[in-house]
Amino acid sequence: MSEERLEDLAALLEDETARRILTETYRKPMSANTLSERCGASKPTVYRRLEDLRRCDLLVERTRPDPEGGHHHTVYATNLERIVVEIDDDGIDFRIDRQENMADRFTRLIEGM
């Protein structure tokens, strides 16, 4: 991981709203409006953090149909599983482990055959 990317990630994880979004969306996908209520943050703040988390590839955006209204709405879910920090003789190394969705797992399985 580049030093610049690591600094962006560290700054983002230092932010309480970003951490709350990750925690809430780990439990289940949520809309920005719901996240605003759950995190006690304004909608503009939540939208900025959502974009920052997506840019760091810690969050995915999904579109869900609304069976009652015939429309769709956007929800967000974390794909972060863990962040690993390892120290050895060569220095410090960071690794981000992400969750895979079933479609990605299936594709990897088929490609590996």
C-alpha atoms as a PDB file:
ATOM      1  CA  MET A   1       0.000   0.000   0.000  1.00  0.00           C
ATOM      2  CA  SER A   2       1.407   3.386  -0.952  1.00  0.00           C
ATOM      3  CA  GLU A   3       2.249   5.813   1.817  1.00  0.00           C
ATOM      4  CA  GLU A   4      -0.209   8.390   0.448  1.00  0.00           C
ATOM      5  CA  ARG A   5      -3.039   5.839   0.363  1.00  0.00           C
ATOM      6  CA  LEU A   6      -2.167   4.692   3.872  1.00  0.00           C
ATOM      7  CA  GLU A   7      -2.334   8.274   5.153  1.00  0.00           C
ATOM      8  CA  ASP A   8      -5.762   8.732   3.513  1.00  0.00           C
ATOM      9  CA  LEU A   9      -6.995   5.519   5.125  1.00  0.00           C
ATOM     10  CA  ALA A  10      -5.624   6.438   8.559  1.00  0.00           C
ATOM     11  CA  ALA A  11      -7.215   9.893   8.408  1.00  0.00           C
ATOM     12  CA  LEU A  12     -10.528   8.395   7.366  1.00  0.00           C
ATOM     13  CA  LEU A  13     -10.516   5.793  10.135  1.00  0.00           C
ATOM     14  CA  GLU A  14      -9.717   8.530  12.646  1.00  0.00           C
ATOM     15  CA  ASP A  15     -13.100  10.105  11.848  1.00  0.00           C
ATOM     16  CA  GLU A  16     -15.864   8.976  14.226  1.00  0.00           C
ATOM     17  CA  THR A  17     -18.617   9.237  11.597  1.00  0.00           C
ATOM     18  CA  ALA A  18     -16.669   7.060   9.162  1.00  0.00           C
ATOM     19  CA  ARG A  19     -16.131   4.432  11.866  1.00  0.00           C
ATOM     20  CA  ARG A  20     -19.839   4.484  12.782  1.00  0.00           C
ATOM     21  CA  ILE A  21     -20.801   4.069   9.120  1.00  0.00           C
ATOM     22  CA  LEU A  22     -18.513   1.038   8.837  1.00  0.00           C
ATOM     23  CA  THR A  23     -19.957  -0.464  12.011  1.00  0.00           C
ATOM     24  CA  GLU A  24     -23.577   0.156  11.045  1.00  0.00           C
ATOM     25  CA  THR A  25     -23.184  -1.105   7.472  1.00  0.00           C
ATOM     26  CA  TYR A  26     -21.355  -4.209   8.693  1.00  0.00           C
ATOM     27  CA  ARG A  27     -24.577  -5.268  10.408  1.00  0.00           C
ATOM     28  CA  LYS A  28     -26.774  -4.660   7.355  1.00  0.00           C
ATOM     29  CA  PRO A  29     -26.862  -2.416   4.271  1.00  0.00           C
ATOM     30  CA  MET A  30     -28.380   1.009   4.977  1.00  0.00           C
ATOM     31  CA  SER A  31     -29.444   4.120   3.122  1.00  0.00           C
ATOM     32  CA  ALA A  32     -27.713   7.459   3.629  1.00  0.00           C
ATOM     33  CA  ASN A  33     -30.816   8.774   5.412  1.00  0.00           C
ATOM     34  CA  THR A  34     -30.796   5.883   7.883  1.00  0.00           C
ATOM     35  CA  LEU A  35     -27.048   6.278   8.421  1.00  0.00           C
ATOM     36  CA  SER A  36     -27.540   9.988   9.120  1.00  0.00           C
ATOM     37  CA  GLU A  37     -30.031   9.119  11.869  1.00  0.00           C
ATOM     38  CA  ARG A  38     -27.967   6.245  13.310  1.00  0.00           C
ATOM     39  CA  CYS A  39     -24.704   8.184  13.298  1.00  0.00           C
ATOM     40  CA  GLY A  40     -26.142  11.457  14.554  1.00  0.00           C
ATOM     41  CA  ALA A  41     -24.530  13.282  11.638  1.00  0.00           C
ATOM     42  CA  SER A  42     -25.911  15.608   8.990  1.00  0.00           C
ATOM     43  CA  LYS A  43     -26.740  14.166   5.579  1.00  0.00           C
ATOM     44  CA  PRO A  44     -23.988  16.183   3.831  1.00  0.00           C
ATOM     45  CA  THR A  45     -21.434  14.807   6.321  1.00  0.00           C
ATOM     46  CA  VAL A  46     -22.679  11.248   5.803  1.00  0.00           C
ATOM     47  CA  TYR A  47     -22.555  11.613   2.009  1.00  0.00           C
ATOM     48  CA  ARG A  48     -18.968  12.937   2.189  1.00  0.00           C
ATOM     49  CA  ARG A  49     -17.892  10.032   4.391  1.00  0.00           C
ATOM     50  CA  LEU A  50     -19.671   7.523   2.143  1.00  0.00           C
ATOM     51  CA  GLU A  51     -17.738   8.857  -0.836  1.00  0.00           C
ATOM     52  CA  ASP A  52     -14.452   8.781   1.124  1.00  0.00           C
ATOM     53  CA  LEU A  53     -15.115   5.175   2.202  1.00  0.00           C
ATOM     54  CA  ARG A  54     -15.972   4.161  -1.373  1.00  0.00           C
ATOM     55  CA  ARG A  55     -12.812   5.858  -2.653  1.00  0.00           C
ATOM     56  CA  CYS A  56     -10.753   3.785  -0.180  1.00  0.00           C
ATOM     57  CA  ASP A  57     -12.688   0.673  -1.298  1.00  0.00           C
ATOM     58  CA  LEU A  58     -14.103   0.044   2.185  1.00  0.00           C
ATOM     59  CA  LEU A  59     -17.743   0.398   1.180  1.00  0.00           C
ATOM     60  CA  VAL A  60     -19.934  -0.723  -1.720  1.00  0.00           C
ATOM     61  CA  GLU A  61     -23.068   0.895  -3.087  1.00  0.00           C
ATOM     62  CA  ARG A  62     -26.035  -1.282  -4.013  1.00  0.00           C
ATOM     63  CA  THR A  63     -29.359  -0.507  -5.638  1.00  0.00           C
ATOM     64  CA  ARG A  64     -32.415  -2.169  -4.136  1.00  0.00           C
ATOM     65  CA  PRO A  65     -35.872  -2.264  -5.688  1.00  0.00           C
ATOM     66  CA  ASP A  66     -38.768  -0.869  -3.687  1.00  0.00           C
ATOM     67  CA  PRO A  67     -41.591  -3.402  -4.232  1.00  0.00           C
ATOM     68  CA  GLU A  68     -44.256  -1.050  -2.882  1.00  0.00           C
ATOM     69  CA  GLY A  69     -43.348   2.108  -4.772  1.00  0.00           C
ATOM     70  CA  GLY A  70     -41.989   0.529  -7.935  1.00  0.00           C
ATOM     71  CA  HIS A  71     -38.810   2.575  -7.620  1.00  0.00           C
ATOM     72  CA  HIS A  72     -35.382   1.762  -6.296  1.00  0.00           C
ATOM     73  CA  HIS A  73     -33.136   3.147  -3.591  1.00  0.00           C
ATOM     74  CA  THR A  74     -29.433   3.067  -2.825  1.00  0.00           C
ATOM     75  CA  VAL A  75     -27.993   1.322   0.212  1.00  0.00           C
ATOM     76  CA  TYR A  76     -24.427   1.029   1.396  1.00  0.00           C
ATOM     77  CA  ALA A  77     -22.594  -1.946   2.891  1.00  0.00           C
ATOM     78  CA  THR A  78     -19.041  -2.361   4.093  1.00  0.00           C
ATOM     79  CA  ASN A  79     -16.834  -4.880   2.379  1.00  0.00           C
ATOM     80  CA  LEU A  80     -14.143  -4.448   5.039  1.00  0.00           C
ATOM     81  CA  GLU A  81     -13.344  -7.567   6.987  1.00  0.00           C
ATOM     82  CA  ARG A  82     -10.133  -6.549   8.730  1.00  0.00           C
ATOM     83  CA  ILE A  83      -7.069  -4.331   8.543  1.00  0.00           C
ATOM     84  CA  VAL A  84      -3.826  -6.120   9.339  1.00  0.00           C
ATOM     85  CA  VAL A  85      -0.637  -4.396  10.450  1.00  0.00           C
ATOM     86  CA  GLU A  86       2.553  -6.468  10.344  1.00  0.00           C
ATOM     87  CA  ILE A  87       5.983  -5.436  11.542  1.00  0.00           C
ATOM     88  CA  ASP A  88       9.138  -7.233  10.450  1.00  0.00           C
ATOM     89  CA  ASP A  89      12.788  -6.474   9.705  1.00  0.00           C
ATOM     90  CA  ASP A  90      11.803  -4.704   6.489  1.00  0.00           C
ATOM     91  CA  GLY A  91       9.398  -2.311   8.240  1.00  0.00           C
ATOM     92  CA  ILE A  92       5.649  -2.019   8.645  1.00  0.00           C
ATOM     93  CA  ASP A  93       3.214  -3.544   6.179  1.00  0.00           C
ATOM     94  CA  PHE A  94      -0.545  -2.976   6.014  1.00  0.00           C
ATOM     95  CA  ARG A  95      -3.107  -5.247   4.413  1.00  0.00           C
ATOM     96  CA  ILE A  96      -6.830  -4.752   3.993  1.00  0.00           C
ATOM     97  CA  ASP A  97      -8.925  -7.912   3.862  1.00  0.00           C
ATOM     98  CA  ARG A  98     -12.272  -7.428   2.176  1.00  0.00           C
ATOM     99  CA  GLN A  99     -15.411  -9.542   2.122  1.00  0.00           C
ATOM    100  CA  GLU A 100     -16.344 -11.081  -1.194  1.00  0.00           C
ATOM    101  CA  ASN A 101     -19.897 -11.274  -2.416  1.00  0.00           C
ATOM    102  CA  MET A 102     -21.224 -14.582  -3.729  1.00  0.00           C
ATOM    103  CA  ALA A 103     -21.047 -13.526  -7.404  1.00  0.00           C
ATOM    104  CA  ASP A 104     -17.343 -12.640  -7.079  1.00  0.00           C
ATOM    105  CA  ARG A 105     -16.624 -15.926  -5.297  1.00  0.00           C
ATOM    106  CA  PHE A 106     -18.436 -17.894  -7.978  1.00  0.00           C
ATOM    107  CA  THR A 107     -16.557 -16.079 -10.760  1.00  0.00           C
ATOM    108  CA  ARG A 108     -13.222 -16.776  -9.059  1.00  0.00           C
ATOM    109  CA  LEU A 109     -14.168 -20.445  -8.671  1.00  0.00           C
ATOM    110  CA  ILE A 110     -15.110 -20.813 -12.343  1.00  0.00           C
ATOM    111  CA  GLU A 111     -12.014 -18.952 -13.547  1.00  0.00           C
ATOM    112  CA  GLY A 112      -9.849 -21.219 -11.396  1.00  0.00           C
ATOM    113  CA  MET A 113     -11.111 -24.395 -13.093  1.00  0.00           C
END
